[in-house]
């Protein structure tokens, strides 16, 4: 049990690395620990010293192998961070990043028009509210697929369907598909109005995303404590490395449709005063949240990730200031 906790802790510490890098690091550290323990045991145990003298070539082979393992693993420990730094700072990569940022100016203009004037510069049909039980089943399947690699938010399809059904019964506009230019489903948006009790529990870190049910949701005409920006998800094929072209356009479509969804849900309550809250797992989304003016709250969510908050007027003013 303890070794399992150690492994999960180590895996969490390497959360910012790719999956391959994580396994390389874990393997290197395991080899380093084992080889160090062998050398320490040899130094401290007289019986091993006697065996080494009697075994001759065998003992030399063992200790040479251990020494080589230590040398290699220590070299990797030193070299990998340097290599990673060099690869992430290469001029071509920085240029590509700058070009992508420039292309996102179109997204910023989409959002400014919506927050300032309540107008859409893009087709409203990109967002398709889930309206019946059959659609919700498919939505929950996609929900499961989008988060299957998440450390904190992956889960069983049946559990997600049960939760989503409970939420939708209280507020039918909580879930929506995001459609591409051809009208195909490329992602999902989840925006949930929370009643004051649900809001309090969520902000205190006492309500997990897995446990949000109808009892915490505000229905039309009821007091709303916050609009929970529950999740956005993109199908694998539409991600920048997923095989389809136009990854940047897909991200633009997903984000602006999510903001349209937020606008539509919040307008059913009080767009100008009800705060928006989200719990964020990925560092890339944290950076985006800060760029858009979200405030990080002191309390962490029940799932272990930081909470962020903003209001519609604050988002509107922040978008005006972003060049």
C-alpha atoms as a PDB file:
ATOM      1  CA  UNK A   1       0.000   0.000   0.000  1.00  0.00           C
ATOM      2  CA  UNK A   2       2.805   2.417   0.951  1.00  0.00           C
ATOM      3  CA  UNK A   3       4.707   1.670  -2.245  1.00  0.00           C
ATOM      4  CA  UNK A   4       1.552   2.494  -4.193  1.00  0.00           C
ATOM      5  CA  UNK A   5       1.351   5.882  -2.461  1.00  0.00           C
ATOM      6  CA  UNK A   6       5.018   6.517  -3.265  1.00  0.00           C
ATOM      7  CA  UNK A   7       4.459   5.680  -6.932  1.00  0.00           C
ATOM      8  CA  UNK A   8       1.381   7.909  -7.195  1.00  0.00           C
ATOM      9  CA  UNK A   9       3.226  10.722  -5.448  1.00  0.00           C
ATOM     10  CA  UNK A  10       6.177  10.414  -7.808  1.00  0.00           C
ATOM     11  CA  UNK A  11       3.870  10.288 -10.812  1.00  0.00           C
ATOM     12  CA  UNK A  12       2.117  13.419  -9.552  1.00  0.00           C
ATOM     13  CA  UNK A  13       5.422  15.234  -9.073  1.00  0.00           C
ATOM     14  CA  UNK A  14       6.233  14.551 -12.725  1.00  0.00           C
ATOM     15  CA  UNK A  15       2.788  15.731 -13.849  1.00  0.00           C
ATOM     16  CA  UNK A  16       4.181  18.429 -16.125  1.00  0.00           C
ATOM     17  CA  UNK A  17       6.163  15.917 -18.195  1.00  0.00           C
ATOM     18  CA  UNK A  18       4.977  13.805 -21.091  1.00  0.00           C
ATOM     19  CA  UNK A  19       4.025  10.193 -20.442  1.00  0.00           C
ATOM     20  CA  UNK A  20       7.270   8.884 -21.994  1.00  0.00           C
ATOM     21  CA  UNK A  21       9.376  11.291 -19.935  1.00  0.00           C
ATOM     22  CA  UNK A  22       7.585  10.238 -16.773  1.00  0.00           C
ATOM     23  CA  UNK A  23       8.285   6.539 -17.332  1.00  0.00           C
ATOM     24  CA  UNK A  24      11.925   7.248 -18.226  1.00  0.00           C
ATOM     25  CA  UNK A  25      12.344   9.264 -15.039  1.00  0.00           C
ATOM     26  CA  UNK A  26      10.647   6.634 -12.904  1.00  0.00           C
ATOM     27  CA  UNK A  27      12.806   3.872 -14.419  1.00  0.00           C
ATOM     28  CA  UNK A  28      15.980   5.897 -13.950  1.00  0.00           C
ATOM     29  CA  UNK A  29      15.188   6.703 -10.336  1.00  0.00           C
ATOM     30  CA  UNK A  30      14.327   3.073  -9.547  1.00  0.00           C
ATOM     31  CA  UNK A  31      17.619   1.887 -11.092  1.00  0.00           C
ATOM     32  CA  UNK A  32      19.535   4.556  -9.198  1.00  0.00           C
ATOM     33  CA  UNK A  33      17.945   3.637  -5.867  1.00  0.00           C
ATOM     34  CA  UNK A  34      18.540  -0.108  -6.337  1.00  0.00           C
ATOM     35  CA  UNK A  35      22.165   0.317  -7.415  1.00  0.00           C
ATOM     36  CA  UNK A  36      22.837   2.680  -4.516  1.00  0.00           C
ATOM     37  CA  UNK A  37      21.337   0.217  -2.040  1.00  0.00           C
ATOM     38  CA  UNK A  38      23.541  -2.581  -3.405  1.00  0.00           C
ATOM     39  CA  UNK A  39      26.694  -0.493  -3.069  1.00  0.00           C
ATOM     40  CA  UNK A  40      25.689   0.621   0.422  1.00  0.00           C
ATOM     41  CA  UNK A  41      25.011  -2.971   1.445  1.00  0.00           C
ATOM     42  CA  UNK A  42      28.395  -4.033   0.088  1.00  0.00           C
ATOM     43  CA  UNK A  43      30.143  -1.316   2.051  1.00  0.00           C
ATOM     44  CA  UNK A  44      28.344  -2.055   5.315  1.00  0.00           C
ATOM     45  CA  UNK A  45      28.089  -5.856   5.219  1.00  0.00           C
ATOM     46  CA  UNK A  46      31.235  -7.904   6.045  1.00  0.00           C
ATOM     47  CA  UNK A  47      29.676 -11.042   4.562  1.00  0.00           C
ATOM     48  CA  UNK A  48      29.376  -9.385   1.155  1.00  0.00           C
ATOM     49  CA  UNK A  49      32.999  -8.317   1.365  1.00  0.00           C
ATOM     50  CA  UNK A  50      34.064 -11.931   2.049  1.00  0.00           C
ATOM     51  CA  UNK A  51      31.893 -13.151  -0.835  1.00  0.00           C
ATOM     52  CA  UNK A  52      33.472 -10.589  -3.165  1.00  0.00           C
ATOM     53  CA  UNK A  53      36.969 -11.845  -2.318  1.00  0.00           C
ATOM     54  CA  UNK A  54      36.017 -15.486  -2.861  1.00  0.00           C
ATOM     55  CA  UNK A  55      33.850 -15.019  -5.963  1.00  0.00           C
ATOM     56  CA  UNK A  56      36.501 -13.216  -8.003  1.00  0.00           C
ATOM     57  CA  UNK A  57      35.252 -12.547 -11.548  1.00  0.00           C
ATOM     58  CA  UNK A  58      31.580 -12.908 -10.585  1.00  0.00           C
ATOM     59  CA  UNK A  59      31.774 -10.245  -7.904  1.00  0.00           C
ATOM     60  CA  UNK A  60      33.704  -7.945 -10.228  1.00  0.00           C
ATOM     61  CA  UNK A  61      30.982  -8.333 -12.857  1.00  0.00           C
ATOM     62  CA  UNK A  62      28.244  -7.563 -10.331  1.00  0.00           C
ATOM     63  CA  UNK A  63      29.926  -4.469  -8.954  1.00  0.00           C
ATOM     64  CA  UNK A  64      30.966  -3.234 -12.389  1.00  0.00           C
ATOM     65  CA  UNK A  65      27.348  -3.577 -13.542  1.00  0.00           C
ATOM     66  CA  UNK A  66      26.121  -1.687 -10.491  1.00  0.00           C
ATOM     67  CA  UNK A  67      28.695   1.037 -11.054  1.00  0.00           C
ATOM     68  CA  UNK A  68      27.738   1.328 -14.714  1.00  0.00           C
ATOM     69  CA  UNK A  69      24.046   1.552 -13.778  1.00  0.00           C
ATOM     70  CA  UNK A  70      24.810   4.360 -11.359  1.00  0.00           C
ATOM     71  CA  UNK A  71      26.907   6.234 -13.895  1.00  0.00           C
ATOM     72  CA  UNK A  72      24.258   5.968 -16.620  1.00  0.00           C
ATOM     73  CA  UNK A  73      21.337   6.905 -14.383  1.00  0.00           C
ATOM     74  CA  UNK A  74      23.182   9.845 -12.855  1.00  0.00           C
ATOM     75  CA  UNK A  75      24.083  11.058 -16.348  1.00  0.00           C
ATOM     76  CA  UNK A  76      20.441  10.870 -17.404  1.00  0.00           C
ATOM     77  CA  UNK A  77      19.315  12.690 -14.258  1.00  0.00           C
ATOM     78  CA  UNK A  78      21.698  15.524 -15.118  1.00  0.00           C
ATOM     79  CA  UNK A  79      21.266  15.499 -18.897  1.00  0.00           C
ATOM     80  CA  UNK A  80      17.497  15.182 -19.263  1.00  0.00           C
ATOM     81  CA  UNK A  81      16.563  18.541 -17.703  1.00  0.00           C
ATOM     82  CA  UNK A  82      19.203  20.260 -19.847  1.00  0.00           C
ATOM     83  CA  UNK A  83      17.993  18.504 -22.983  1.00  0.00           C
ATOM     84  CA  UNK A  84      14.374  19.316 -22.164  1.00  0.00           C
ATOM     85  CA  UNK A  85      15.288  22.967 -21.608  1.00  0.00           C
ATOM     86  CA  UNK A  86      17.122  23.151 -24.933  1.00  0.00           C
ATOM     87  CA  UNK A  87      14.278  21.510 -26.842  1.00  0.00           C
ATOM     88  CA  UNK A  88      11.642  23.783 -25.341  1.00  0.00           C
ATOM     89  CA  UNK A  89      13.707  26.896 -26.017  1.00  0.00           C
ATOM     90  CA  UNK A  90      14.616  26.241 -29.645  1.00  0.00           C
ATOM     91  CA  UNK A  91      14.024  29.198 -31.999  1.00  0.00           C
ATOM     92  CA  UNK A  92      11.710  27.239 -34.298  1.00  0.00           C
ATOM     93  CA  UNK A  93       9.493  26.307 -31.378  1.00  0.00           C
ATOM     94  CA  UNK A  94       9.358  29.869 -30.116  1.00  0.00           C
ATOM     95  CA  UNK A  95       8.509  31.116 -33.602  1.00  0.00           C
ATOM     96  CA  UNK A  96       5.694  28.583 -33.929  1.00  0.00           C
ATOM     97  CA  UNK A  97       4.365  29.646 -30.544  1.00  0.00           C
ATOM     98  CA  UNK A  98       4.417  33.302 -31.571  1.00  0.00           C
ATOM     99  CA  UNK A  99       2.597  32.526 -34.810  1.00  0.00           C
ATOM    100  CA  UNK A 100      -0.068  30.599 -32.939  1.00  0.00           C
ATOM    101  CA  UNK A 101      -0.528  33.470 -30.467  1.00  0.00           C
ATOM    102  CA  UNK A 102      -0.964  35.846 -33.377  1.00  0.00           C
ATOM    103  CA  UNK A 103      -3.609  33.609 -34.921  1.00  0.00           C
ATOM    104  CA  UNK A 104      -5.533  33.604 -31.643  1.00  0.00           C
ATOM    105  CA  UNK A 105      -6.224  37.318 -32.124  1.00  0.00           C
ATOM    106  CA  UNK A 106      -9.263  36.144 -34.084  1.00  0.00           C
ATOM    107  CA  UNK A 107     -10.446  34.255 -31.018  1.00  0.00           C
ATOM    108  CA  UNK A 108      -9.986  37.322 -28.820  1.00  0.00           C
ATOM    109  CA  UNK A 109     -12.077  39.385 -31.204  1.00  0.00           C
ATOM    110  CA  UNK A 110     -14.788  36.704 -31.152  1.00  0.00           C
ATOM    111  CA  UNK A 111     -14.883  36.904 -27.365  1.00  0.00           C
ATOM    112  CA  UNK A 112     -14.775  40.712 -27.225  1.00  0.00           C
ATOM    113  CA  UNK A 113     -17.770  41.001 -29.522  1.00  0.00           C
ATOM    114  CA  UNK A 114     -19.723  38.564 -27.373  1.00  0.00           C
ATOM    115  CA  UNK A 115     -18.835  40.066 -23.980  1.00  0.00           C
ATOM    116  CA  UNK A 116     -19.199  43.712 -25.037  1.00  0.00           C
ATOM    117  CA  UNK A 117     -22.189  43.573 -27.353  1.00  0.00           C
ATOM    118  CA  UNK A 118     -23.792  40.170 -26.864  1.00  0.00           C
ATOM    119  CA  UNK A 119     -23.172  39.433 -30.534  1.00  0.00           C
ATOM    120  CA  UNK A 120     -21.760  36.328 -32.175  1.00  0.00           C
ATOM    121  CA  UNK A 121     -19.109  36.658 -34.885  1.00  0.00           C
ATOM    122  CA  UNK A 122     -19.436  32.929 -35.462  1.00  0.00           C
ATOM    123  CA  UNK A 123     -22.334  30.541 -36.113  1.00  0.00           C
ATOM    124  CA  UNK A 124     -24.481  29.954 -33.036  1.00  0.00           C
ATOM    125  CA  UNK A 125     -25.004  26.428 -34.352  1.00  0.00           C
ATOM    126  CA  UNK A 126     -21.443  25.525 -33.341  1.00  0.00           C
ATOM    127  CA  UNK A 127     -22.979  24.931 -29.917  1.00  0.00           C
ATOM    128  CA  UNK A 128     -25.650  22.229 -29.751  1.00  0.00           C
ATOM    129  CA  UNK A 129     -27.424  21.826 -26.422  1.00  0.00           C
ATOM    130  CA  UNK A 130     -27.990  18.203 -25.409  1.00  0.00           C
ATOM    131  CA  UNK A 131     -31.753  17.914 -25.341  1.00  0.00           C
ATOM    132  CA  UNK A 132     -32.793  14.283 -24.833  1.00  0.00           C
ATOM    133  CA  UNK A 133     -31.767  11.087 -23.084  1.00  0.00           C
ATOM    134  CA  UNK A 134     -30.268   9.409 -26.143  1.00  0.00           C
ATOM    135  CA  UNK A 135     -28.122  12.443 -26.893  1.00  0.00           C
ATOM    136  CA  UNK A 136     -27.059  12.534 -23.240  1.00  0.00           C
ATOM    137  CA  UNK A 137     -25.874   8.921 -23.451  1.00  0.00           C
ATOM    138  CA  UNK A 138     -23.654   9.770 -26.414  1.00  0.00           C
ATOM    139  CA  UNK A 139     -22.534  12.959 -24.684  1.00  0.00           C
ATOM    140  CA  UNK A 140     -21.524  10.991 -21.586  1.00  0.00           C
ATOM    141  CA  UNK A 141     -19.578   8.556 -23.752  1.00  0.00           C
ATOM    142  CA  UNK A 142     -17.647  11.448 -25.309  1.00  0.00           C
ATOM    143  CA  UNK A 143     -17.247  12.958 -21.840  1.00  0.00           C
ATOM    144  CA  UNK A 144     -15.617   9.704 -20.723  1.00  0.00           C
ATOM    145  CA  UNK A 145     -13.350   9.605 -23.787  1.00  0.00           C
ATOM    146  CA  UNK A 146     -12.205  13.214 -23.465  1.00  0.00           C
ATOM    147  CA  UNK A 147     -11.032  12.703 -19.883  1.00  0.00           C
ATOM    148  CA  UNK A 148      -9.798   9.113 -19.978  1.00  0.00           C
ATOM    149  CA  UNK A 149      -6.170  10.236 -19.526  1.00  0.00           C
ATOM    150  CA  UNK A 150      -6.923  12.723 -16.757  1.00  0.00           C
ATOM    151  CA  UNK A 151      -5.374  11.972 -13.384  1.00  0.00           C
ATOM    152  CA  UNK A 152      -8.303  13.413 -11.431  1.00  0.00           C
ATOM    153  CA  UNK A 153     -11.333  13.431 -13.720  1.00  0.00           C
ATOM    154  CA  UNK A 154     -11.288  10.132 -15.573  1.00  0.00           C
ATOM    155  CA  UNK A 155     -14.071   7.771 -14.677  1.00  0.00           C
ATOM    156  CA  UNK A 156     -16.483   5.081 -15.677  1.00  0.00           C
ATOM    157  CA  UNK A 157     -19.064   5.815 -18.377  1.00  0.00           C
ATOM    158  CA  UNK A 158     -21.943   4.616 -16.207  1.00  0.00           C
ATOM    159  CA  UNK A 159     -20.923   6.915 -13.351  1.00  0.00           C
ATOM    160  CA  UNK A 160     -20.656   9.909 -15.670  1.00  0.00           C
ATOM    161  CA  UNK A 161     -24.023   9.129 -17.245  1.00  0.00           C
ATOM    162  CA  UNK A 162     -25.650   8.901 -13.814  1.00  0.00           C
ATOM    163  CA  UNK A 163     -24.151  12.223 -12.724  1.00  0.00           C
ATOM    164  CA  UNK A 164     -24.940  13.974 -16.001  1.00  0.00           C
ATOM    165  CA  UNK A 165     -28.532  12.733 -15.999  1.00  0.00           C
ATOM    166  CA  UNK A 166     -29.053  14.028 -12.469  1.00  0.00           C
ATOM    167  CA  UNK A 167     -27.666  17.457 -13.407  1.00  0.00           C
ATOM    168  CA  UNK A 168     -29.627  17.732 -16.646  1.00  0.00           C
ATOM    169  CA  UNK A 169     -32.900  16.974 -14.895  1.00  0.00           C
ATOM    170  CA  UNK A 170     -32.388  20.108 -12.791  1.00  0.00           C
ATOM    171  CA  UNK A 171     -31.009  22.347 -15.526  1.00  0.00           C
ATOM    172  CA  UNK A 172     -31.424  21.098 -19.119  1.00  0.00           C
ATOM    173  CA  UNK A 173     -28.864  23.451 -20.709  1.00  0.00           C
ATOM    174  CA  UNK A 174     -25.844  22.246 -18.749  1.00  0.00           C
ATOM    175  CA  UNK A 175     -24.382  20.086 -21.510  1.00  0.00           C
ATOM    176  CA  UNK A 176     -23.635  20.895 -25.134  1.00  0.00           C
ATOM    177  CA  UNK A 177     -21.775  19.497 -28.101  1.00  0.00           C
ATOM    178  CA  UNK A 178     -19.296  21.653 -29.980  1.00  0.00           C
ATOM    179  CA  UNK A 179     -19.537  21.129 -33.747  1.00  0.00           C
ATOM    180  CA  UNK A 180     -16.924  21.675 -36.437  1.00  0.00           C
ATOM    181  CA  UNK A 181     -17.509  23.482 -39.739  1.00  0.00           C
ATOM    182  CA  UNK A 182     -19.039  20.339 -41.224  1.00  0.00           C
ATOM    183  CA  UNK A 183     -21.459  19.967 -38.328  1.00  0.00           C
ATOM    184  CA  UNK A 184     -19.595  17.007 -36.841  1.00  0.00           C
ATOM    185  CA  UNK A 185     -19.164  16.646 -33.086  1.00  0.00           C
ATOM    186  CA  UNK A 186     -15.634  17.662 -32.156  1.00  0.00           C
ATOM    187  CA  UNK A 187     -15.935  18.352 -28.441  1.00  0.00           C
ATOM    188  CA  UNK A 188     -18.121  19.079 -25.450  1.00  0.00           C
ATOM    189  CA  UNK A 189     -18.937  21.969 -23.132  1.00  0.00           C
ATOM    190  CA  UNK A 190     -20.262  21.594 -19.584  1.00  0.00           C
ATOM    191  CA  UNK A 191     -21.582  24.647 -17.712  1.00  0.00           C
ATOM    192  CA  UNK A 192     -23.593  24.158 -14.524  1.00  0.00           C
ATOM    193  CA  UNK A 193     -25.502  26.752 -12.471  1.00  0.00           C
ATOM    194  CA  UNK A 194     -24.924  25.948  -8.804  1.00  0.00           C
ATOM    195  CA  UNK A 195     -27.272  26.872  -5.991  1.00  0.00           C
ATOM    196  CA  UNK A 196     -25.813  28.735  -2.963  1.00  0.00           C
ATOM    197  CA  UNK A 197     -25.281  25.547  -0.942  1.00  0.00           C
ATOM    198  CA  UNK A 198     -23.576  23.765  -3.824  1.00  0.00           C
ATOM    199  CA  UNK A 199     -21.422  26.834  -4.445  1.00  0.00           C
ATOM    200  CA  UNK A 200     -20.332  26.993  -0.808  1.00  0.00           C
ATOM    201  CA  UNK A 201     -19.407  23.306  -0.718  1.00  0.00           C
ATOM    202  CA  UNK A 202     -17.532  23.525  -4.015  1.00  0.00           C
ATOM    203  CA  UNK A 203     -15.532  26.590  -2.987  1.00  0.00           C
ATOM    204  CA  UNK A 204     -14.670  24.980   0.363  1.00  0.00           C
ATOM    205  CA  UNK A 205     -13.255  21.935  -1.415  1.00  0.00           C
ATOM    206  CA  UNK A 206     -15.980  19.698  -0.015  1.00  0.00           C
ATOM    207  CA  UNK A 207     -17.683  18.740  -3.293  1.00  0.00           C
ATOM    208  CA  UNK A 208     -15.846  16.719  -5.938  1.00  0.00           C
ATOM    209  CA  UNK A 209     -16.615  17.029  -9.632  1.00  0.00           C
ATOM    210  CA  UNK A 210     -17.520  13.339  -9.532  1.00  0.00           C
ATOM    211  CA  UNK A 211     -20.207  14.024  -6.917  1.00  0.00           C
ATOM    212  CA  UNK A 212     -21.988  17.064  -8.363  1.00  0.00           C
ATOM    213  CA  UNK A 213     -25.650  16.048  -8.499  1.00  0.00           C
ATOM    214  CA  UNK A 214     -29.058  17.681  -8.826  1.00  0.00           C
ATOM    215  CA  UNK A 215     -29.137  18.681  -5.151  1.00  0.00           C
ATOM    216  CA  UNK A 216     -26.301  21.171  -5.798  1.00  0.00           C
ATOM    217  CA  UNK A 217     -27.703  22.546  -9.068  1.00  0.00           C
ATOM    218  CA  UNK A 218     -29.832  25.669  -9.477  1.00  0.00           C
ATOM    219  CA  UNK A 219     -32.914  25.352 -11.618  1.00  0.00           C
ATOM    220  CA  UNK A 220     -34.489  28.190 -13.593  1.00  0.00           C
ATOM    221  CA  UNK A 221     -35.966  30.801 -11.256  1.00  0.00           C
ATOM    222  CA  UNK A 222     -33.952  29.639  -8.240  1.00  0.00           C
ATOM    223  CA  UNK A 223     -31.090  31.513  -6.545  1.00  0.00           C
ATOM    224  CA  UNK A 224     -27.742  30.854  -8.224  1.00  0.00           C
ATOM    225  CA  UNK A 225     -24.502  31.059  -6.252  1.00  0.00           C
ATOM    226  CA  UNK A 226     -22.144  30.607  -9.191  1.00  0.00           C
ATOM    227  CA  UNK A 227     -21.859  29.342 -12.727  1.00  0.00           C
ATOM    228  CA  UNK A 228     -19.549  26.344 -12.611  1.00  0.00           C
ATOM    229  CA  UNK A 229     -17.373  26.114 -15.719  1.00  0.00           C
ATOM    230  CA  UNK A 230     -17.353  22.386 -15.319  1.00  0.00           C
ATOM    231  CA  UNK A 231     -15.403  21.190 -18.334  1.00  0.00           C
ATOM    232  CA  UNK A 232     -14.496  21.497 -21.964  1.00  0.00           C
ATOM    233  CA  UNK A 233     -13.203  18.533 -23.895  1.00  0.00           C
ATOM    234  CA  UNK A 234     -11.983  17.875 -27.408  1.00  0.00           C
ATOM    235  CA  UNK A 235     -12.088  14.548 -29.206  1.00  0.00           C
ATOM    236  CA  UNK A 236      -8.643  13.093 -29.842  1.00  0.00           C
ATOM    237  CA  UNK A 237      -8.820  13.451 -33.632  1.00  0.00           C
ATOM    238  CA  UNK A 238      -9.298  17.209 -33.369  1.00  0.00           C
ATOM    239  CA  UNK A 239      -6.400  17.906 -31.036  1.00  0.00           C
ATOM    240  CA  UNK A 240      -3.346  19.544 -32.631  1.00  0.00           C
ATOM    241  CA  UNK A 241      -1.514  16.192 -32.665  1.00  0.00           C
ATOM    242  CA  UNK A 242      -4.591  14.080 -33.293  1.00  0.00           C
ATOM    243  CA  UNK A 243      -4.398  13.638 -37.056  1.00  0.00           C
ATOM    244  CA  UNK A 244      -6.858  16.218 -38.364  1.00  0.00           C
ATOM    245  CA  UNK A 245      -5.542  19.475 -39.786  1.00  0.00           C
ATOM    246  CA  UNK A 246      -6.525  22.853 -38.373  1.00  0.00           C
ATOM    247  CA  UNK A 247      -5.768  22.218 -34.716  1.00  0.00           C
ATOM    248  CA  UNK A 248      -5.644  25.942 -33.953  1.00  0.00           C
ATOM    249  CA  UNK A 249      -9.049  26.478 -35.554  1.00  0.00           C
ATOM    250  CA  UNK A 250     -10.448  23.603 -33.506  1.00  0.00           C
ATOM    251  CA  UNK A 251      -9.191  25.211 -30.294  1.00  0.00           C
ATOM    252  CA  UNK A 252     -10.699  28.537 -31.354  1.00  0.00           C
ATOM    253  CA  UNK A 253     -14.043  26.865 -32.031  1.00  0.00           C
ATOM    254  CA  UNK A 254     -13.999  24.991 -28.738  1.00  0.00           C
ATOM    255  CA  UNK A 255     -13.185  28.023 -26.581  1.00  0.00           C
ATOM    256  CA  UNK A 256     -15.572  30.466 -28.222  1.00  0.00           C
ATOM    257  CA  UNK A 257     -18.380  27.895 -28.113  1.00  0.00           C
ATOM    258  CA  UNK A 258     -17.686  27.309 -24.432  1.00  0.00           C
ATOM    259  CA  UNK A 259     -17.897  31.051 -23.774  1.00  0.00           C
ATOM    260  CA  UNK A 260     -21.146  31.174 -25.760  1.00  0.00           C
ATOM    261  CA  UNK A 261     -22.426  28.357 -23.540  1.00  0.00           C
ATOM    262  CA  UNK A 262     -21.410  30.282 -20.399  1.00  0.00           C
ATOM    263  CA  UNK A 263     -23.193  33.375 -21.724  1.00  0.00           C
ATOM    264  CA  UNK A 264     -26.385  31.457 -22.452  1.00  0.00           C
ATOM    265  CA  UNK A 265     -26.469  29.734 -19.064  1.00  0.00           C
ATOM    266  CA  UNK A 266     -25.568  32.850 -17.057  1.00  0.00           C
ATOM    267  CA  UNK A 267     -28.225  34.845 -18.920  1.00  0.00           C
ATOM    268  CA  UNK A 268     -30.854  32.552 -17.393  1.00  0.00           C
ATOM    269  CA  UNK A 269     -29.804  33.868 -13.969  1.00  0.00           C
ATOM    270  CA  UNK A 270     -27.849  37.129 -13.615  1.00  0.00           C
ATOM    271  CA  UNK A 271     -25.130  37.568 -16.210  1.00  0.00           C
ATOM    272  CA  UNK A 272     -23.633  40.683 -14.642  1.00  0.00           C
ATOM    273  CA  UNK A 273     -23.292  39.561 -11.028  1.00  0.00           C
ATOM    274  CA  UNK A 274     -23.119  35.765 -10.712  1.00  0.00           C
ATOM    275  CA  UNK A 275     -19.449  34.673 -10.522  1.00  0.00           C
ATOM    276  CA  UNK A 276     -17.947  31.972 -12.708  1.00  0.00           C
ATOM    277  CA  UNK A 277     -15.840  29.335 -10.956  1.00  0.00           C
ATOM    278  CA  UNK A 278     -13.692  26.539 -12.330  1.00  0.00           C
ATOM    279  CA  UNK A 279     -11.294  23.909 -11.021  1.00  0.00           C
ATOM    280  CA  UNK A 280      -8.304  23.529 -13.322  1.00  0.00           C
ATOM    281  CA  UNK A 281      -6.069  20.503 -13.773  1.00  0.00           C
ATOM    282  CA  UNK A 282      -3.878  21.321 -16.773  1.00  0.00           C
ATOM    283  CA  UNK A 283      -1.118  23.967 -16.624  1.00  0.00           C
ATOM    284  CA  UNK A 284      -2.074  25.188 -20.115  1.00  0.00           C
ATOM    285  CA  UNK A 285      -5.598  25.988 -18.908  1.00  0.00           C
ATOM    286  CA  UNK A 286      -4.179  27.698 -15.821  1.00  0.00           C
ATOM    287  CA  UNK A 287      -2.145  29.976 -18.103  1.00  0.00           C
ATOM    288  CA  UNK A 288      -5.207  30.698 -20.204  1.00  0.00           C
ATOM    289  CA  UNK A 289      -7.276  31.434 -17.100  1.00  0.00           C
ATOM    290  CA  UNK A 290      -4.711  33.960 -15.902  1.00  0.00           C
ATOM    291  CA  UNK A 291      -4.553  35.555 -19.345  1.00  0.00           C
ATOM    292  CA  UNK A 292      -8.327  36.061 -19.294  1.00  0.00           C
ATOM    293  CA  UNK A 293      -8.213  37.598 -15.815  1.00  0.00           C
ATOM    294  CA  UNK A 294      -9.387  34.750 -13.589  1.00  0.00           C
ATOM    295  CA  UNK A 295      -8.419  35.100  -9.921  1.00  0.00           C
ATOM    296  CA  UNK A 296      -6.909  32.104  -8.163  1.00  0.00           C
ATOM    297  CA  UNK A 297      -8.754  31.373  -4.932  1.00  0.00           C
ATOM    298  CA  UNK A 298      -6.959  30.384  -1.737  1.00  0.00           C
ATOM    299  CA  UNK A 299      -8.913  27.152  -1.371  1.00  0.00           C
ATOM    300  CA  UNK A 300      -8.272  24.161  -3.623  1.00  0.00           C
ATOM    301  CA  UNK A 301     -11.072  22.063  -5.053  1.00  0.00           C
ATOM    302  CA  UNK A 302     -12.047  18.688  -3.635  1.00  0.00           C
ATOM    303  CA  UNK A 303     -10.217  16.991  -6.519  1.00  0.00           C
ATOM    304  CA  UNK A 304      -6.931  18.641  -5.564  1.00  0.00           C
ATOM    305  CA  UNK A 305      -6.712  21.296  -8.263  1.00  0.00           C
ATOM    306  CA  UNK A 306      -6.748  25.099  -7.889  1.00  0.00           C
ATOM    307  CA  UNK A 307      -9.982  27.071  -8.103  1.00  0.00           C
ATOM    308  CA  UNK A 308     -10.337  30.207 -10.221  1.00  0.00           C
ATOM    309  CA  UNK A 309     -13.075  32.837 -10.274  1.00  0.00           C
ATOM    310  CA  UNK A 310     -14.204  35.742 -12.466  1.00  0.00           C
ATOM    311  CA  UNK A 311     -17.370  37.673 -13.321  1.00  0.00           C
ATOM    312  CA  UNK A 312     -18.710  38.555 -16.762  1.00  0.00           C
ATOM    313  CA  UNK A 313     -17.902  42.296 -16.368  1.00  0.00           C
ATOM    314  CA  UNK A 314     -14.351  41.419 -15.274  1.00  0.00           C
ATOM    315  CA  UNK A 315     -13.912  39.160 -18.288  1.00  0.00           C
ATOM    316  CA  UNK A 316     -15.229  41.902 -20.553  1.00  0.00           C
ATOM    317  CA  UNK A 317     -12.765  44.466 -19.177  1.00  0.00           C
ATOM    318  CA  UNK A 318      -9.849  42.046 -19.346  1.00  0.00           C
ATOM    319  CA  UNK A 319     -10.544  41.227 -22.984  1.00  0.00           C
ATOM    320  CA  UNK A 320     -10.471  44.939 -23.799  1.00  0.00           C
ATOM    321  CA  UNK A 321      -6.951  45.175 -22.387  1.00  0.00           C
ATOM    322  CA  UNK A 322      -5.485  42.152 -24.201  1.00  0.00           C
ATOM    323  CA  UNK A 323      -3.740  43.189 -27.398  1.00  0.00           C
END
